Protein backbone atom coordinates (compact mmCIF):
# COMPACT_ATOMS: atom_id res chain seq x y z
CA UNK A 1 23.37 -7.77 3.39
CA UNK A 2 21.09 -10.70 4.25
CA UNK A 3 19.47 -12.80 1.55
CA UNK A 4 16.06 -11.60 2.72
CA UNK A 5 17.07 -7.98 2.14
CA UNK A 6 18.49 -8.84 -1.28
CA UNK A 7 15.20 -10.51 -2.24
CA UNK A 8 13.25 -7.49 -1.00
CA UNK A 9 15.54 -5.16 -2.97
CA UNK A 10 15.04 -7.23 -6.13
CA UNK A 11 11.26 -7.21 -5.78
CA UNK A 12 11.05 -3.47 -5.02
CA UNK A 13 13.43 -2.62 -7.90
CA UNK A 14 11.30 -4.60 -10.31
CA UNK A 15 8.09 -2.90 -9.17
CA UNK A 16 9.75 0.53 -9.47
CA UNK A 17 10.82 -0.19 -13.05
CA UNK A 18 7.30 -1.33 -13.91
CA UNK A 19 5.82 1.87 -12.46
CA UNK A 20 8.12 3.92 -14.72
CA UNK A 21 6.51 2.31 -17.76
CA UNK A 22 9.19 -0.24 -18.71
CA UNK A 23 8.15 -3.34 -20.62
CA UNK A 24 7.33 -6.24 -18.34
CA UNK A 25 9.94 -8.65 -19.67
CA UNK A 26 12.56 -5.90 -19.67
CA UNK A 27 11.93 -4.94 -16.04
CA UNK A 28 11.92 -8.52 -14.78
CA UNK A 29 14.85 -9.68 -16.89
CA UNK A 30 17.04 -6.66 -16.12
CA UNK A 31 16.62 -7.05 -12.36
CA UNK A 32 17.34 -10.79 -12.61
CA UNK A 33 20.51 -10.21 -14.68
CA UNK A 34 21.89 -7.46 -12.45
CA UNK A 35 21.20 -9.48 -9.30
CA UNK A 36 22.77 -12.65 -10.75
CA UNK A 37 25.94 -10.89 -11.90
CA UNK A 38 26.25 -8.99 -8.61
CA UNK A 39 25.79 -12.08 -6.45
CA UNK A 40 27.72 -14.70 -8.42
CA UNK A 41 29.91 -12.75 -10.86
CA UNK A 42 30.39 -14.09 -14.38
CA UNK A 43 28.93 -17.41 -13.24
CA UNK A 44 25.57 -15.64 -12.98
CA UNK A 45 25.41 -15.48 -16.77
CA UNK A 46 24.52 -19.17 -16.75
CA UNK A 47 21.12 -18.35 -15.25
CA UNK A 48 19.52 -16.72 -18.34
CA UNK A 49 21.17 -19.35 -20.55
CA UNK A 50 19.71 -22.23 -18.54
CA UNK A 51 16.33 -20.42 -18.46
CA UNK A 52 16.38 -20.16 -22.27
CA UNK A 53 17.24 -23.85 -22.61
CA UNK A 54 14.44 -24.77 -20.21
CA UNK A 55 12.02 -22.67 -22.28
CA UNK A 56 13.10 -24.24 -25.57
CA UNK A 57 12.79 -27.76 -24.17
CA UNK A 58 9.30 -27.25 -22.73
CA UNK A 59 7.31 -29.13 -25.36
CA UNK A 60 3.80 -27.97 -24.27
CA UNK A 61 4.81 -24.37 -25.10
CA UNK A 62 4.03 -25.26 -28.72
CA UNK A 63 0.36 -25.12 -27.76
CA UNK A 64 0.51 -21.33 -27.35
CA UNK A 65 0.87 -20.35 -31.04
CA UNK A 66 -1.62 -23.05 -32.01
CA UNK A 67 -4.38 -21.78 -29.73
CA UNK A 68 -3.66 -18.14 -30.50
CA UNK A 69 -3.77 -18.88 -34.25
CA UNK A 70 -7.07 -20.76 -33.81
CA UNK A 71 -8.60 -17.79 -32.01
CA UNK A 72 -7.48 -15.23 -34.55
CA UNK A 73 -8.68 -17.32 -37.50
CA UNK A 74 -12.15 -17.59 -35.98
CA UNK A 75 -12.17 -13.90 -35.09
CA UNK A 76 -10.78 -12.56 -38.38
CA UNK A 77 -13.05 -14.82 -40.47
CA UNK A 78 -16.12 -13.35 -38.68
CA UNK A 79 -17.36 -16.67 -37.37
CA UNK A 80 -17.97 -14.85 -34.08
CA UNK A 81 -20.34 -12.53 -35.96
CA UNK A 82 -22.42 -15.56 -36.94
CA UNK A 83 -22.56 -16.59 -33.29
CA UNK A 84 -24.07 -13.28 -32.28
CA UNK A 85 -26.68 -13.48 -35.03
CA UNK A 86 -27.71 -16.86 -33.65
CA UNK A 87 -28.12 -15.51 -30.12
CA UNK A 88 -29.90 -12.46 -31.51
CA UNK A 89 -32.63 -14.65 -32.99
CA UNK A 90 -32.89 -17.35 -30.32
CA UNK A 91 -32.54 -15.22 -27.17
CA UNK A 92 -33.98 -11.91 -28.37
CA UNK A 93 -37.63 -12.58 -27.38
CA UNK A 94 -36.65 -12.57 -23.67
CA UNK A 95 -36.20 -9.44 -21.59
CA UNK A 96 -32.42 -9.14 -21.34
CA UNK A 97 -32.12 -11.95 -23.89
CA UNK A 98 -29.44 -10.27 -25.99
CA UNK A 99 -27.38 -9.59 -22.87
CA UNK A 100 -27.71 -13.27 -21.91
CA UNK A 101 -26.75 -14.18 -25.46
CA UNK A 102 -23.68 -11.96 -25.15
CA UNK A 103 -22.51 -13.88 -22.06
CA UNK A 104 -23.01 -17.17 -23.93
CA UNK A 105 -21.15 -15.69 -26.90
CA UNK A 106 -18.24 -14.86 -24.60
CA UNK A 107 -18.17 -18.45 -23.30
CA UNK A 108 -17.93 -19.77 -26.85
CA UNK A 109 -15.29 -17.19 -27.81
CA UNK A 110 -13.32 -18.24 -24.72
CA UNK A 111 -13.51 -21.85 -25.85
CA UNK A 112 -12.20 -20.77 -29.24
CA UNK A 113 -9.43 -18.44 -28.14
CA UNK A 114 -8.29 -18.48 -24.51
CA UNK A 115 -7.52 -14.75 -24.31
CA UNK A 116 -9.72 -12.17 -22.60
CA UNK A 117 -8.62 -9.43 -24.99
CA UNK A 118 -10.20 -11.32 -27.91
CA UNK A 119 -13.52 -11.57 -26.08
CA UNK A 120 -13.40 -7.87 -25.22
CA UNK A 121 -12.72 -6.91 -28.84
CA UNK A 122 -15.55 -9.08 -30.18
CA UNK A 123 -18.01 -7.93 -27.53
CA UNK A 124 -17.19 -4.22 -27.90
CA UNK A 125 -17.24 -4.20 -31.68
CA UNK A 126 -20.12 -6.63 -32.41
CA UNK A 127 -22.41 -6.89 -29.39
CA UNK A 128 -22.18 -3.46 -27.75
CA UNK A 129 -23.39 -1.33 -30.72
CA UNK A 130 -26.25 -3.76 -31.33
CA UNK A 131 -27.33 -3.76 -27.67
CA UNK A 132 -27.27 0.04 -27.49
CA UNK A 133 -29.22 0.34 -30.74
CA UNK A 134 -31.96 -1.86 -29.30
CA UNK A 135 -32.44 0.29 -26.22
CA UNK A 136 -30.49 -1.71 -23.66
CA UNK A 137 -29.19 0.20 -20.65
CA UNK A 138 -25.66 1.33 -21.49
CA UNK A 139 -24.33 0.79 -17.97
CA UNK A 140 -25.62 -2.77 -17.71
CA UNK A 141 -24.40 -3.91 -21.13
CA UNK A 142 -20.98 -2.35 -20.64
CA UNK A 143 -20.62 -4.46 -17.50
CA UNK A 144 -21.93 -7.53 -19.33
CA UNK A 145 -19.21 -7.30 -21.99
CA UNK A 146 -16.40 -6.69 -19.51
CA UNK A 147 -17.50 -9.53 -17.23
CA UNK A 148 -18.08 -11.93 -20.12
CA UNK A 149 -14.71 -11.21 -21.71
CA UNK A 150 -12.94 -12.07 -18.45
CA UNK A 151 -14.01 -15.72 -18.91
CA UNK A 152 -11.36 -16.07 -21.62
CA UNK A 153 -8.58 -16.69 -19.11
CA UNK A 154 -10.53 -19.36 -17.19
CA UNK A 155 -12.50 -21.43 -19.71
CA UNK A 156 -10.23 -23.88 -21.60
CA UNK A 157 -8.14 -23.61 -23.68
CA UNK A 158 -6.90 -20.79 -21.43
CA UNK A 159 -3.53 -19.42 -22.52
CA UNK A 160 -2.94 -18.00 -19.03
CA UNK A 161 -3.35 -21.46 -17.48
CA UNK A 162 -0.76 -22.79 -19.95
CA UNK A 163 1.69 -20.18 -18.64
CA UNK A 164 0.79 -21.00 -15.04
CA UNK A 165 1.36 -24.69 -15.80
CA UNK A 166 4.89 -24.00 -16.96
CA UNK A 167 5.83 -21.76 -14.05
CA UNK A 168 4.17 -23.97 -11.41
CA UNK A 169 5.28 -27.20 -13.14
CA UNK A 170 1.73 -28.57 -13.19
CA UNK A 171 -0.08 -30.57 -15.95
CA UNK A 172 -1.85 -28.29 -18.41
CA UNK A 173 -4.66 -30.77 -19.02
CA UNK A 174 -5.59 -30.92 -15.34
CA UNK A 175 -5.54 -27.11 -15.07
CA UNK A 176 -7.83 -26.77 -18.08
CA UNK A 177 -10.30 -29.26 -16.67
CA UNK A 178 -10.13 -27.50 -13.30
CA UNK A 179 -11.27 -24.28 -14.99
CA UNK A 180 -14.34 -25.79 -16.68
CA UNK A 181 -16.86 -25.88 -13.80
CA UNK A 182 -15.75 -22.59 -12.17
CA UNK A 183 -15.95 -20.87 -15.57
CA UNK A 184 -19.39 -22.25 -16.38
CA UNK A 185 -20.57 -21.50 -12.82
CA UNK A 186 -19.46 -17.89 -13.15
CA UNK A 187 -21.18 -17.55 -16.54
CA UNK A 188 -24.37 -19.00 -15.04
CA UNK A 189 -24.18 -16.52 -12.15
CA UNK A 190 -23.85 -13.64 -14.65
CA UNK A 191 -26.92 -14.91 -16.52
CA UNK A 192 -28.94 -15.23 -13.29
CA UNK A 193 -28.02 -11.66 -12.34
CA UNK A 194 -29.13 -10.36 -15.77
CA UNK A 195 -32.42 -12.28 -15.60
CA UNK A 196 -33.21 -10.92 -12.13
CA UNK A 197 -32.29 -7.33 -13.04
CA UNK A 198 -34.33 -7.36 -16.25
CA UNK A 199 -37.31 -8.96 -14.53
CA UNK A 200 -37.25 -6.25 -11.87
CA UNK A 201 -36.78 -3.52 -14.49
CA UNK A 202 -37.68 -4.67 -18.05
CA UNK A 203 -36.59 -1.33 -19.53
CA UNK A 204 -32.95 -2.29 -18.90
CA UNK A 205 -33.18 -5.03 -21.53
CA UNK A 206 -36.25 -4.82 -23.79
CA UNK A 207 -37.27 -7.86 -25.82
CA UNK A 208 -37.01 -7.84 -29.61
CA UNK A 209 -40.03 -6.41 -31.46
CA UNK A 210 -42.43 -9.01 -32.86
CA UNK A 211 -41.61 -8.16 -36.49
CA UNK A 212 -37.93 -9.02 -35.97
CA UNK A 213 -38.84 -12.35 -34.41
CA UNK A 214 -40.96 -13.32 -37.41
CA UNK A 215 -38.50 -15.50 -39.33
CA UNK A 216 -38.89 -19.01 -40.71
CA UNK A 217 -37.89 -22.07 -38.73
CA UNK A 218 -35.48 -23.02 -41.51
CA UNK A 219 -33.65 -19.72 -41.05
CA UNK A 220 -33.55 -20.15 -37.27
CA UNK A 221 -32.05 -23.62 -37.59
CA UNK A 222 -29.55 -22.38 -40.16
CA UNK A 223 -28.39 -19.76 -37.67
CA UNK A 224 -28.23 -22.43 -34.97
CA UNK A 225 -25.50 -24.16 -36.97
CA UNK A 226 -23.32 -21.08 -36.45
CA UNK A 227 -23.39 -21.83 -32.73
CA UNK A 228 -22.71 -25.53 -33.24
CA UNK A 229 -19.54 -24.93 -35.25
CA UNK A 230 -17.39 -23.64 -32.35
CA UNK A 231 -18.50 -26.65 -30.28
CA UNK A 232 -17.44 -28.94 -33.13
CA UNK A 233 -14.01 -27.29 -33.16
CA UNK A 234 -13.73 -27.45 -29.37
CA UNK A 235 -14.72 -31.12 -29.10
CA UNK A 236 -12.58 -32.10 -32.08
CA UNK A 237 -9.66 -30.72 -30.11
CA UNK A 238 -10.50 -31.76 -26.52
CA UNK A 239 -12.07 -35.24 -26.86
CA UNK A 240 -8.94 -36.96 -28.28
CA UNK A 241 -6.81 -35.26 -25.62
CA UNK A 242 -9.02 -36.20 -22.66
CA UNK A 243 -9.27 -39.81 -23.88
CA UNK A 244 -5.49 -40.04 -24.22
CA UNK A 245 -5.52 -40.51 -28.00
CA UNK A 246 -3.42 -37.40 -28.61
CA UNK A 247 -0.95 -35.30 -26.67
CA UNK A 248 -1.66 -31.71 -25.67
CA UNK A 249 0.39 -30.32 -28.55
CA UNK A 250 -1.26 -32.64 -31.07
CA UNK A 251 -4.71 -31.57 -29.82
CA UNK A 252 -3.79 -27.89 -30.19
CA UNK A 253 -2.70 -28.59 -33.77
CA UNK A 254 -6.05 -30.32 -34.41
CA UNK A 255 -7.87 -27.26 -33.06
CA UNK A 256 -5.89 -24.85 -35.22
CA UNK A 257 -6.37 -26.99 -38.33
CA UNK A 258 -10.10 -27.48 -37.67
CA UNK A 259 -10.60 -23.72 -37.29
CA UNK A 260 -8.63 -23.11 -40.48
CA UNK A 261 -10.72 -25.66 -42.41
CA UNK A 262 -13.96 -24.16 -41.03
CA UNK A 263 -12.95 -20.75 -42.37
CA UNK A 264 -11.99 -22.30 -45.73
CA UNK A 265 -15.30 -24.20 -46.05
CA UNK A 266 -17.21 -21.01 -45.27
CA UNK A 267 -15.26 -19.22 -48.02
CA UNK A 268 -13.76 -16.70 -45.59
CA UNK A 269 -10.09 -17.68 -45.56
CA UNK A 270 -8.85 -14.80 -47.68
CA UNK A 271 -5.23 -13.73 -48.01
CA UNK A 272 -5.89 -10.79 -45.68
CA UNK A 273 -7.46 -13.00 -42.99
CA UNK A 274 -4.55 -15.45 -43.16
CA UNK A 275 -1.88 -12.74 -43.01
CA UNK A 276 -3.54 -10.94 -40.09
CA UNK A 277 -3.95 -14.20 -38.17
CA UNK A 278 -0.33 -15.26 -38.68
CA UNK A 279 1.06 -11.79 -37.89
CA UNK A 280 -0.95 -11.45 -34.67
CA UNK A 281 -0.09 -15.01 -33.63
CA UNK A 282 3.63 -14.34 -34.10
CA UNK A 283 3.50 -11.06 -32.17
CA UNK A 284 1.64 -12.45 -29.15
CA UNK A 285 3.61 -15.72 -29.04
CA UNK A 286 6.94 -13.83 -29.03
CA UNK A 287 5.67 -11.51 -26.29
CA UNK A 288 4.73 -14.49 -24.10
CA UNK A 289 8.08 -16.20 -24.70
CA UNK A 290 10.08 -13.13 -23.69
CA UNK A 291 8.01 -12.76 -20.53
CA UNK A 292 8.39 -16.44 -19.60
CA UNK A 293 12.15 -16.29 -20.25
CA UNK A 294 12.50 -13.27 -17.94
CA UNK A 295 10.31 -14.90 -15.29
CA UNK A 296 12.35 -18.12 -15.30
CA UNK A 297 15.57 -16.15 -14.85
CA UNK A 298 14.08 -14.10 -12.02
CA UNK A 299 12.73 -17.23 -10.37
CA UNK A 300 16.11 -18.96 -10.56
CA UNK A 301 17.79 -16.08 -8.70
CA UNK A 302 14.99 -16.01 -6.14
CA UNK A 303 15.28 -19.75 -5.56
CA UNK A 304 19.03 -19.44 -5.21
CA UNK A 305 18.58 -16.88 -2.43
CA UNK A 306 16.21 -19.11 -0.47
CA UNK A 307 13.76 -16.20 -0.38
CA UNK A 308 10.66 -18.40 -0.44
CA UNK A 309 11.65 -20.27 2.73
CA UNK A 310 12.51 -17.01 4.46
CA UNK A 311 9.16 -15.43 3.61
CA UNK A 312 7.25 -18.57 4.60
CA UNK A 313 9.07 -18.50 7.95
CA UNK A 314 8.20 -14.80 8.36
CA UNK A 315 4.48 -15.37 7.78
CA UNK A 316 3.98 -18.63 9.66
CA UNK A 317 6.41 -18.42 12.59
CA UNK A 318 7.29 -14.78 13.20
CA UNK A 319 3.88 -13.26 12.38
CA UNK A 320 1.92 -16.35 13.37
CA UNK A 321 -0.48 -16.22 10.41
CA UNK A 322 -2.51 -19.28 9.46
CA UNK A 323 -2.15 -20.78 5.96
CA UNK A 324 -5.64 -19.54 5.00
CA UNK A 325 -4.83 -15.99 6.14
CA UNK A 326 -1.65 -16.02 4.04
CA UNK A 327 -3.63 -17.29 1.04
CA UNK A 328 -6.21 -14.50 1.41
CA UNK A 329 -3.44 -11.89 1.64
CA UNK A 330 -1.98 -13.28 -1.59
CA UNK A 331 -5.30 -12.91 -3.36
CA UNK A 332 -5.68 -9.33 -2.09
CA UNK A 333 -2.21 -8.50 -3.40
CA UNK A 334 -3.24 -9.83 -6.84
CA UNK A 335 -6.22 -7.48 -6.84
CA UNK A 336 -3.94 -4.57 -5.93
CA UNK A 337 -1.43 -5.41 -8.67
CA UNK A 338 -4.26 -5.86 -11.15
CA UNK A 339 -4.92 -2.13 -10.99
CA UNK A 340 -1.83 -1.53 -13.17
CA UNK A 341 -0.71 -4.93 -14.55
CA UNK A 342 -2.23 -7.59 -16.80
CA UNK A 343 -2.65 -11.24 -15.79
CA UNK A 344 0.56 -12.46 -17.41
CA UNK A 345 2.66 -9.77 -15.74
CA UNK A 346 1.11 -10.53 -12.35
CA UNK A 347 1.82 -14.21 -12.76
CA UNK A 348 5.47 -13.92 -13.74
CA UNK A 349 6.21 -11.28 -11.09
CA UNK A 350 4.90 -13.17 -8.08
CA UNK A 351 5.13 -16.79 -9.27
CA UNK A 352 8.69 -17.26 -7.96
CA UNK A 353 7.38 -16.30 -4.52
CA UNK A 354 3.74 -17.38 -4.37
CA UNK A 355 3.67 -20.77 -6.12
CA UNK A 356 6.34 -22.46 -3.94
CA UNK A 357 4.83 -20.80 -0.87
CA UNK A 358 1.38 -22.19 -1.69
CA UNK A 359 2.87 -25.65 -2.03
CA UNK A 360 4.77 -25.25 1.24
CA UNK A 361 1.54 -24.30 3.00
CA UNK A 362 -0.05 -27.57 1.89
CA UNK A 363 -2.49 -26.28 -0.75
CA UNK A 364 -3.18 -27.96 -4.10
CA UNK A 365 -1.39 -26.10 -6.92
CA UNK A 366 -4.07 -27.06 -9.49
CA UNK A 367 -6.75 -25.55 -7.26
CA UNK A 368 -4.59 -22.48 -6.64
CA UNK A 369 -4.20 -21.97 -10.39
CA UNK A 370 -7.98 -21.55 -10.63
CA UNK A 371 -8.00 -19.19 -7.63
CA UNK A 372 -5.25 -17.12 -9.22
CA UNK A 373 -7.16 -16.91 -12.49
CA UNK A 374 -10.45 -15.85 -10.89
CA UNK A 375 -8.61 -13.25 -8.81
CA UNK A 376 -7.02 -11.90 -11.99
CA UNK A 377 -10.48 -11.60 -13.50
CA UNK A 378 -11.57 -9.51 -10.52
CA UNK A 379 -8.39 -7.44 -10.60
CA UNK A 380 -8.93 -6.72 -14.29
CA UNK A 381 -12.13 -4.87 -13.47
CA UNK A 382 -11.33 -3.21 -10.14
CA UNK A 383 -11.27 0.61 -10.28
CA UNK A 384 -9.50 2.91 -10.56
CA UNK A 385 -6.94 1.32 -12.92
CA UNK A 386 -8.28 -2.11 -13.84
CA UNK A 387 -6.83 -3.39 -17.10
CA UNK A 388 -10.22 -4.21 -18.65
CA UNK A 389 -11.65 -0.81 -17.73
CA UNK A 390 -9.25 1.01 -20.01
CA UNK A 391 -9.61 -1.56 -22.79
CA UNK A 392 -13.35 -0.95 -22.69
CA UNK A 393 -12.84 2.82 -22.65
CA UNK A 394 -10.68 2.56 -25.77
CA UNK A 395 -13.24 0.43 -27.65
CA UNK A 396 -16.55 1.88 -26.40
CA UNK A 397 -18.51 4.53 -28.34
CA UNK A 398 -18.24 8.18 -27.20
CA UNK A 399 -21.54 8.16 -25.27
CA UNK A 400 -20.05 5.70 -22.73
CA UNK A 401 -17.73 7.55 -20.38
CA UNK A 402 -15.26 6.27 -17.81
CA UNK A 403 -17.77 6.94 -15.01
CA UNK A 404 -20.31 4.70 -16.77
CA UNK A 405 -17.67 1.98 -17.08
CA UNK A 406 -16.82 2.16 -13.38
CA UNK A 407 -20.50 1.97 -12.41
CA UNK A 408 -21.21 -0.86 -14.81
CA UNK A 409 -18.73 -3.30 -13.38
CA UNK A 410 -19.59 -3.06 -9.66
CA UNK A 411 -22.35 -5.75 -9.54
CA UNK A 412 -20.35 -8.14 -11.73
CA UNK A 413 -17.29 -7.80 -9.53
CA UNK A 414 -19.57 -8.71 -6.62
CA UNK A 415 -20.72 -11.84 -8.47
CA UNK A 416 -17.11 -12.82 -9.19
CA UNK A 417 -16.10 -12.36 -5.55
CA UNK A 418 -18.92 -14.75 -4.58
CA UNK A 419 -17.64 -17.24 -7.18
CA UNK A 420 -14.10 -16.92 -5.79
CA UNK A 421 -15.31 -17.57 -2.24
CA UNK A 422 -17.30 -20.62 -3.40
CA UNK A 423 -14.22 -22.14 -5.08
CA UNK A 424 -12.10 -21.41 -2.00
CA UNK A 425 -14.62 -22.96 0.40
CA UNK A 426 -15.50 -25.89 -1.90
CA UNK A 427 -12.28 -26.87 -3.75
CA UNK A 428 -14.04 -29.79 -5.45
CA UNK A 429 -15.80 -27.31 -7.76
CA UNK A 430 -12.41 -27.03 -9.46
CA UNK A 431 -10.83 -30.38 -8.60
CA UNK A 432 -13.63 -32.90 -9.21
CA UNK A 433 -13.38 -32.98 -13.01
CA UNK A 434 -9.57 -33.34 -13.30
CA UNK A 435 -9.58 -35.96 -10.53
CA UNK A 436 -12.35 -37.88 -12.27
CA UNK A 437 -10.76 -37.76 -15.74
CA UNK A 438 -7.25 -38.55 -14.55
CA UNK A 439 -8.45 -41.17 -12.06
CA UNK A 440 -6.98 -39.66 -8.91
């Protein structure tokens, strides 16, 4: 059997196991182990061992539990609730103002956490009931929360970009900076869409009644501090890192400690909040480590087969496709996989194939990391089986059905596709900031 056929058999076996409902790390790791032992005998057992050693020696991996802990502390201590109260007061007088405030809330939550699930949970439990109670259109606001939560995997400190950095062997700091402008651009495009829709049809997002806007300036400025606090935490973490005063791991520790101290100073760091934060941090960190370990093992077998070179030869020489056509086909495959997989699973499944192929085609791997992330955001919300669609269905109140959720996301997916095209056509949207900071 040729190496190309073995690689195809490995990939199809892994996809079949995933479709049967197996855990991601189990499906990937099992296929890698069976293939290694079949191809190289007992010597194949060195592959998972070397993958584990590589994982344990990768120092930046320590950032994962730090950022996850920071996000859970801020979420469990209800600091995100304070954020929404601030937007409620400052943005409420505008038509669609609370929906705009929800997008801004999601940007701040993303800067605090780095996980889209956290943004979805906060938006569905805090913002959605309030928006519905104030007469906002249920279809529009459902789309607002899903679209806003997707920013968590693009705006730094993105946990997904940390994983991509390890698998693609790229600097985490440059990837984070590359996600800043595309993330803010996408948030701005969401806001522009909301403003236009609510101006055309004010009933979709009515302004707050005058009696609710009648609060003292002192109270308004007190609420404004709730929005400043996450920025303080974010800049306390990022400024020393960007200026070279601290390493990435040290900056993540600063962020976690600053969030912890903020919760303590607000009197919200109870025993229950601390235990929930630590327990959730441990669970998610272990899940990521198992997935990365399996992905490294699978990638080592794939590299050993020379599958990447064979597939690159198939696309470029035998099929005669241009590098851009191959890149577009990759992005379309991400959208297809996103109908039944989350972003981490998509990354570790195709990274052994796609990342080296992108480099071989002459594309920048930092830029491609941003493209991958935006495509994952789109895939999350693409019917019929988008990951975010079912998360929203599980968290939404009974009056919002699955049909409403499907309808709600269509215009926002369109906006995200436009953002993806802009970043593809103008790579400097993603690359200017890291090149400027790192002096390339």
